[in-house]
Structure formats: structure tokens, C-alpha cells
């Protein structure tokens, strides 16, 4: 009985060490993935960062989000804000937008073009 208790206690301690090790490995791999995604971000995407106007009184902002991604945010005239993460699709940045409460707004497609 005493030997079995020690054996169970040892097994529990080993399981706890293995869980901690697995959690640490997952955290390390997650950090490596974030770094890889950020390094793969297209340099031209960062030209889009800033606040942009598209007609008098209407504007949107693009900021850098986690892992090098870009976040679109626009304040509507209703007072509600729409936002979404932009993903590169060929020459375009595409994003599905939702209001702050999660209600779908629609999608947007943007492309940066330098002045001629």
C-alpha cells in the first residue's frame, strides 16, 4: 500500500511536469508562429497604415494588429464602429467587417496605389 501510494504520487508529479512542459512548448511554438507571420507580412501592406478620407466627413483608420496583420476601423455616422482584420488577396486587402457588438456589416476590399 505505501509503495503504491508513492508510485501514484510520483506518477502525478511526472504528469504535472509533462503538462507544464507541453504548455511551455505550445507557448514557444505560438510565439514562433507569430514571429513567422509578422516577417511574412507584405511590406506594401504597411503603406496602408494611417487614417484615410474617401469623401468629405468620411474616414477610416488602418492600424497594425497582432502578428503583423492590419486592422480596419471606421466610425459610422450612426455612432457605431465597424472593424475587421484585413487579409491579402492578390493585390487587394480584404476584410469582413462587424460592428463592435459582433453584428455583421459586410466586407471591404482595399488596394494601395501610389500617385502617378
N, C-alpha and C. Protein backbone atom coordinates (compact mmCIF):
# COMPACT_ATOMS: atom_id res chain seq x y z
N UNK A 1 0.81 -1.20 0.00
CA UNK A 1 0.00 0.00 0.00
C UNK A 1 0.84 1.26 0.00
N UNK A 2 1.86 1.31 0.88
CA UNK A 2 2.70 2.51 0.94
C UNK A 2 3.46 2.69 -0.37
N UNK A 3 3.96 1.60 -0.91
CA UNK A 3 4.68 1.66 -2.18
C UNK A 3 3.76 2.16 -3.30
N UNK A 4 2.52 1.67 -3.32
CA UNK A 4 1.56 2.08 -4.34
C UNK A 4 1.23 3.56 -4.22
N UNK A 5 1.12 4.07 -2.98
CA UNK A 5 0.86 5.50 -2.78
C UNK A 5 2.01 6.33 -3.32
N UNK A 6 3.23 5.90 -3.02
CA UNK A 6 4.40 6.63 -3.53
C UNK A 6 4.46 6.58 -5.06
N UNK A 7 4.11 5.43 -5.58
CA UNK A 7 4.11 5.27 -7.03
C UNK A 7 3.08 6.20 -7.67
N UNK A 8 1.87 6.27 -7.08
CA UNK A 8 0.83 7.17 -7.59
C UNK A 8 1.27 8.64 -7.47
N UNK A 9 1.87 8.99 -6.33
CA UNK A 9 2.33 10.36 -6.12
C UNK A 9 3.42 10.72 -7.14
N UNK A 10 4.31 9.79 -7.40
CA UNK A 10 5.36 10.02 -8.39
C UNK A 10 4.79 10.18 -9.78
N UNK A 11 3.80 9.36 -10.08
CA UNK A 11 3.17 9.46 -11.39
C UNK A 11 2.44 10.79 -11.54
N UNK A 12 1.76 11.24 -10.48
CA UNK A 12 1.06 12.53 -10.53
C UNK A 12 2.04 13.67 -10.73
N UNK A 13 3.16 13.62 -10.04
CA UNK A 13 4.18 14.67 -10.20
C UNK A 13 4.75 14.66 -11.61
N UNK A 14 4.98 13.47 -12.16
CA UNK A 14 5.50 13.36 -13.53
C UNK A 14 4.49 13.89 -14.53
N UNK A 15 3.21 13.60 -14.30
CA UNK A 15 2.17 14.11 -15.20
C UNK A 15 2.11 15.63 -15.15
N UNK A 16 2.24 16.20 -13.95
CA UNK A 16 2.21 17.65 -13.81
C UNK A 16 3.40 18.28 -14.53
N UNK A 17 4.60 17.67 -14.41
CA UNK A 17 5.78 18.18 -15.12
C UNK A 17 5.58 18.10 -16.62
N UNK A 18 5.00 16.99 -17.09
CA UNK A 18 4.76 16.82 -18.53
C UNK A 18 3.76 17.85 -19.03
N UNK A 19 2.70 18.14 -18.26
CA UNK A 19 1.72 19.17 -18.66
C UNK A 19 2.39 20.54 -18.74
N UNK A 20 3.20 20.88 -17.72
CA UNK A 20 3.90 22.17 -17.74
C UNK A 20 4.82 22.25 -18.95
N UNK A 21 5.53 21.18 -19.22
CA UNK A 21 6.44 21.17 -20.36
C UNK A 21 5.68 21.34 -21.67
N UNK A 22 4.53 20.67 -21.80
CA UNK A 22 3.72 20.79 -23.02
C UNK A 22 3.18 22.21 -23.16
N UNK A 23 2.74 22.81 -22.06
CA UNK A 23 2.23 24.18 -22.11
C UNK A 23 3.33 25.15 -22.50
N UNK A 24 4.53 24.96 -21.96
CA UNK A 24 5.66 25.82 -22.31
C UNK A 24 6.01 25.66 -23.79
N UNK A 25 5.97 24.43 -24.30
CA UNK A 25 6.27 24.18 -25.70
C UNK A 25 5.22 24.83 -26.61
N UNK A 26 3.96 24.74 -26.23
CA UNK A 26 2.90 25.39 -27.01
C UNK A 26 3.09 26.90 -27.03
N UNK A 27 3.44 27.49 -25.90
CA UNK A 27 3.67 28.93 -25.85
C UNK A 27 4.84 29.31 -26.74
N UNK A 28 5.91 28.51 -26.70
CA UNK A 28 7.08 28.79 -27.54
C UNK A 28 6.73 28.69 -29.01
N UNK A 29 6.00 27.65 -29.39
CA UNK A 29 5.60 27.48 -30.79
C UNK A 29 4.67 28.60 -31.24
N UNK A 30 3.77 29.04 -30.36
CA UNK A 30 2.88 30.15 -30.69
C UNK A 30 3.66 31.43 -30.95
N UNK A 31 4.67 31.69 -30.12
CA UNK A 31 5.50 32.88 -30.32
C UNK A 31 6.28 32.79 -31.63
N UNK A 32 6.77 31.60 -31.96
CA UNK A 32 7.49 31.42 -33.22
C UNK A 32 6.56 31.62 -34.41
N UNK A 33 5.34 31.12 -34.31
CA UNK A 33 4.37 31.31 -35.39
C UNK A 33 4.03 32.78 -35.58
N UNK A 34 3.80 33.50 -34.48
CA UNK A 34 3.53 34.93 -34.58
C UNK A 34 4.69 35.66 -35.26
N UNK A 35 5.92 35.31 -34.88
CA UNK A 35 7.09 35.96 -35.48
C UNK A 35 7.18 35.64 -36.97
N UNK A 36 6.89 34.38 -37.34
CA UNK A 36 6.94 34.00 -38.75
C UNK A 36 5.88 34.73 -39.55
N UNK A 37 4.67 34.82 -39.01
CA UNK A 37 3.60 35.53 -39.71
C UNK A 37 3.95 37.00 -39.89
N UNK A 38 4.52 37.59 -38.86
CA UNK A 38 4.88 39.01 -38.95
C UNK A 38 5.97 39.23 -39.98
N UNK A 39 6.94 38.32 -40.04
CA UNK A 39 8.03 38.50 -41.00
C UNK A 39 7.54 38.30 -42.43
N UNK A 40 6.42 37.58 -42.61
CA UNK A 40 5.89 37.35 -43.95
C UNK A 40 4.93 38.45 -44.39
N UNK A 41 4.64 39.38 -43.52
CA UNK A 41 3.72 40.46 -43.90
C UNK A 41 4.32 41.23 -45.08
N UNK A 42 3.50 41.56 -46.02
CA UNK A 42 3.96 42.28 -47.20
C UNK A 42 4.34 43.71 -46.81
N UNK A 43 5.49 44.12 -47.26
CA UNK A 43 5.95 45.47 -46.94
C UNK A 43 4.97 46.52 -47.46
N UNK A 44 4.40 46.28 -48.64
CA UNK A 44 3.47 47.27 -49.19
C UNK A 44 2.19 47.39 -48.35
N UNK A 45 1.86 46.37 -47.58
CA UNK A 45 0.69 46.46 -46.71
C UNK A 45 0.83 47.60 -45.72
N UNK A 46 2.04 47.87 -45.28
CA UNK A 46 2.24 48.88 -44.26
C UNK A 46 2.11 50.31 -44.80
N UNK A 47 2.05 50.45 -46.13
CA UNK A 47 1.74 51.75 -46.71
C UNK A 47 0.30 52.14 -46.38
N UNK A 48 -0.51 51.14 -46.10
CA UNK A 48 -1.93 51.39 -45.84
C UNK A 48 -2.19 51.90 -44.43
N UNK A 49 -1.23 51.77 -43.52
CA UNK A 49 -1.43 52.19 -42.14
C UNK A 49 -1.63 53.70 -42.08
N UNK A 50 -2.69 54.11 -41.39
CA UNK A 50 -2.97 55.53 -41.24
C UNK A 50 -4.47 55.79 -41.27
N UNK A 51 -4.81 57.04 -41.31
CA UNK A 51 -6.21 57.45 -41.41
C UNK A 51 -6.45 57.98 -42.81
N UNK A 52 -7.50 57.48 -43.44
CA UNK A 52 -7.79 57.78 -44.83
C UNK A 52 -9.18 58.40 -44.96
N UNK A 53 -9.29 59.41 -45.82
CA UNK A 53 -10.58 60.04 -46.13
C UNK A 53 -10.99 59.64 -47.52
N UNK A 54 -12.28 59.37 -47.70
CA UNK A 54 -12.74 58.97 -49.03
C UNK A 54 -13.87 59.83 -49.55
N UNK A 55 -14.39 60.71 -48.75
CA UNK A 55 -15.31 61.77 -49.17
C UNK A 55 -15.40 62.72 -47.99
N UNK A 56 -15.88 63.94 -48.19
CA UNK A 56 -15.92 64.89 -47.08
C UNK A 56 -16.65 64.32 -45.85
N UNK A 57 -15.94 64.31 -44.74
CA UNK A 57 -16.52 63.85 -43.48
C UNK A 57 -16.49 62.36 -43.25
N UNK A 58 -15.96 61.59 -44.20
CA UNK A 58 -15.90 60.13 -44.05
C UNK A 58 -14.45 59.67 -44.06
N UNK A 59 -14.11 58.88 -43.07
CA UNK A 59 -12.74 58.38 -43.00
C UNK A 59 -12.70 57.04 -42.27
N UNK A 60 -11.60 56.33 -42.47
CA UNK A 60 -11.36 55.07 -41.78
C UNK A 60 -9.89 55.04 -41.37
N UNK A 61 -9.57 54.14 -40.45
CA UNK A 61 -8.21 54.01 -39.95
C UNK A 61 -7.75 52.58 -40.11
N UNK A 62 -6.52 52.42 -40.52
CA UNK A 62 -5.89 51.10 -40.59
C UNK A 62 -4.70 51.13 -39.64
N UNK A 63 -4.68 50.16 -38.75
CA UNK A 63 -3.61 50.05 -37.75
C UNK A 63 -2.99 48.66 -37.83
N UNK A 64 -1.84 48.52 -37.22
CA UNK A 64 -1.18 47.22 -37.15
C UNK A 64 -1.81 46.43 -36.01
N UNK A 65 -2.18 45.19 -36.29
CA UNK A 65 -2.75 44.30 -35.29
C UNK A 65 -1.71 43.22 -34.95
N UNK A 66 -2.11 42.23 -34.18
CA UNK A 66 -1.21 41.15 -33.78
C UNK A 66 -0.66 40.41 -34.99
N UNK A 67 0.55 39.88 -34.83
CA UNK A 67 1.21 39.04 -35.84
C UNK A 67 1.36 39.75 -37.19
N UNK A 68 1.51 41.07 -37.18
CA UNK A 68 1.75 41.81 -38.40
C UNK A 68 0.54 42.04 -39.28
N UNK A 69 -0.62 41.66 -38.79
CA UNK A 69 -1.83 41.86 -39.59
C UNK A 69 -2.28 43.30 -39.49
N UNK A 70 -3.24 43.66 -40.35
CA UNK A 70 -3.76 45.02 -40.36
C UNK A 70 -5.23 45.01 -39.93
N UNK A 71 -5.62 46.03 -39.16
CA UNK A 71 -6.99 46.15 -38.68
C UNK A 71 -7.62 47.40 -39.30
N UNK A 72 -8.80 47.21 -39.90
CA UNK A 72 -9.59 48.30 -40.46
C UNK A 72 -10.62 48.71 -39.42
N UNK A 73 -10.82 50.02 -39.23
CA UNK A 73 -11.84 50.51 -38.30
C UNK A 73 -12.42 51.81 -38.85
N UNK A 74 -13.75 51.88 -38.84
CA UNK A 74 -14.44 53.08 -39.33
C UNK A 74 -15.60 53.39 -38.38
N UNK A 75 -15.69 54.64 -38.03
CA UNK A 75 -16.80 55.12 -37.20
C UNK A 75 -17.92 55.56 -38.13
N UNK A 76 -19.07 54.91 -38.03
CA UNK A 76 -20.21 55.27 -38.89
C UNK A 76 -20.92 56.51 -38.36
N UNK A 77 -21.67 57.13 -39.22
CA UNK A 77 -22.42 58.33 -38.83
C UNK A 77 -23.46 58.00 -37.76
N UNK A 78 -23.83 56.72 -37.63
CA UNK A 78 -24.78 56.30 -36.60
C UNK A 78 -24.12 56.25 -35.22
N UNK A 79 -22.79 56.39 -35.19
CA UNK A 79 -22.06 56.30 -33.94
C UNK A 79 -21.48 54.92 -33.69
N UNK A 80 -21.89 53.95 -34.48
CA UNK A 80 -21.37 52.59 -34.33
C UNK A 80 -20.07 52.45 -35.12
N UNK A 81 -19.15 51.65 -34.59
CA UNK A 81 -17.88 51.42 -35.26
C UNK A 81 -17.88 50.05 -35.93
N UNK A 82 -17.35 49.99 -37.13
CA UNK A 82 -17.19 48.74 -37.86
C UNK A 82 -15.70 48.45 -37.95
N UNK A 83 -15.35 47.17 -37.78
CA UNK A 83 -13.93 46.82 -37.88
C UNK A 83 -13.75 45.39 -38.32
N UNK A 84 -12.54 45.10 -38.76
CA UNK A 84 -12.18 43.75 -39.19
C UNK A 84 -10.71 43.67 -39.51
N UNK A 85 -10.21 42.46 -39.55
CA UNK A 85 -8.81 42.19 -39.91
C UNK A 85 -8.72 42.11 -41.43
N UNK A 86 -7.72 42.76 -41.99
CA UNK A 86 -7.51 42.74 -43.44
C UNK A 86 -6.55 41.61 -43.81
N UNK A 87 -6.89 40.88 -44.85
CA UNK A 87 -6.08 39.76 -45.33
C UNK A 87 -5.75 40.01 -46.79
N UNK A 88 -4.50 39.77 -47.14
CA UNK A 88 -4.07 39.98 -48.52
C UNK A 88 -4.68 38.91 -49.42
N UNK A 89 -5.27 39.38 -50.52
CA UNK A 89 -5.79 38.50 -51.58
C UNK A 89 -5.32 39.09 -52.90
N UNK A 90 -4.17 38.61 -53.36
CA UNK A 90 -3.56 39.19 -54.56
C UNK A 90 -3.14 40.61 -54.25
N UNK A 91 -3.48 41.58 -55.12
CA UNK A 91 -3.08 42.97 -54.86
C UNK A 91 -4.01 43.68 -53.85
N UNK A 92 -5.04 43.00 -53.39
CA UNK A 92 -6.05 43.61 -52.54
C UNK A 92 -5.89 43.22 -51.07
N UNK A 93 -6.34 44.10 -50.20
CA UNK A 93 -6.53 43.79 -48.79
C UNK A 93 -8.03 43.61 -48.60
N UNK A 94 -8.44 42.49 -48.09
CA UNK A 94 -9.86 42.17 -47.94
C UNK A 94 -10.16 41.94 -46.47
N UNK A 95 -11.32 42.41 -46.02
CA UNK A 95 -11.72 42.18 -44.64
C UNK A 95 -13.22 42.04 -44.50
N UNK A 96 -13.64 41.12 -43.65
CA UNK A 96 -15.04 41.01 -43.27
C UNK A 96 -15.23 41.89 -42.04
N UNK A 97 -16.22 42.77 -42.09
CA UNK A 97 -16.41 43.77 -41.04
C UNK A 97 -17.61 43.43 -40.17
N UNK A 98 -17.46 43.74 -38.89
CA UNK A 98 -18.56 43.61 -37.94
C UNK A 98 -18.62 44.87 -37.10
N UNK A 99 -19.81 45.14 -36.55
CA UNK A 99 -19.92 46.21 -35.56
C UNK A 99 -19.32 45.72 -34.26
N UNK A 100 -19.09 46.65 -33.33
CA UNK A 100 -18.49 46.29 -32.05
C UNK A 100 -19.26 45.20 -31.31
N UNK A 101 -20.56 45.12 -31.53
CA UNK A 101 -21.37 44.11 -30.84
C UNK A 101 -21.37 42.77 -31.58
N UNK A 102 -20.60 42.66 -32.67
CA UNK A 102 -20.49 41.41 -33.42
C UNK A 102 -21.45 41.29 -34.59
N UNK A 103 -22.36 42.24 -34.75
CA UNK A 103 -23.30 42.19 -35.87
C UNK A 103 -22.54 42.39 -37.18
N UNK A 104 -22.73 41.51 -38.16
CA UNK A 104 -22.03 41.65 -39.44
C UNK A 104 -22.40 42.95 -40.15
N UNK A 105 -21.42 43.59 -40.76
CA UNK A 105 -21.63 44.82 -41.54
C UNK A 105 -21.54 44.50 -43.02
N UNK A 106 -20.52 43.75 -43.39
CA UNK A 106 -20.26 43.43 -44.79
C UNK A 106 -18.78 43.19 -44.96
N UNK A 107 -18.28 43.41 -46.14
CA UNK A 107 -16.85 43.24 -46.39
C UNK A 107 -16.32 44.46 -47.12
N UNK A 108 -15.00 44.55 -47.11
CA UNK A 108 -14.34 45.67 -47.77
C UNK A 108 -13.12 45.13 -48.51
N UNK A 109 -12.79 45.80 -49.60
CA UNK A 109 -11.62 45.44 -50.39
C UNK A 109 -10.88 46.74 -50.69
N UNK A 110 -9.62 46.78 -50.30
CA UNK A 110 -8.81 47.99 -50.48
C UNK A 110 -7.54 47.64 -51.25
N UNK A 111 -7.05 48.63 -51.97
CA UNK A 111 -5.80 48.46 -52.71
C UNK A 111 -5.05 49.77 -52.66
N UNK A 112 -3.79 49.71 -52.27
CA UNK A 112 -2.97 50.91 -52.22
C UNK A 112 -2.37 51.15 -53.61
N UNK A 113 -2.55 52.34 -54.12
CA UNK A 113 -1.97 52.72 -55.41
C UNK A 113 -1.26 54.04 -55.21
N UNK A 114 0.03 54.06 -55.55
CA UNK A 114 0.78 55.32 -55.43
C UNK A 114 0.30 56.29 -56.50
N UNK A 115 0.44 57.58 -56.17
CA UNK A 115 0.06 58.60 -57.15
C UNK A 115 0.94 58.49 -58.38
N UNK A 116 0.36 58.80 -59.50
CA UNK A 116 1.11 58.74 -60.77
C UNK A 116 1.97 59.93 -60.93
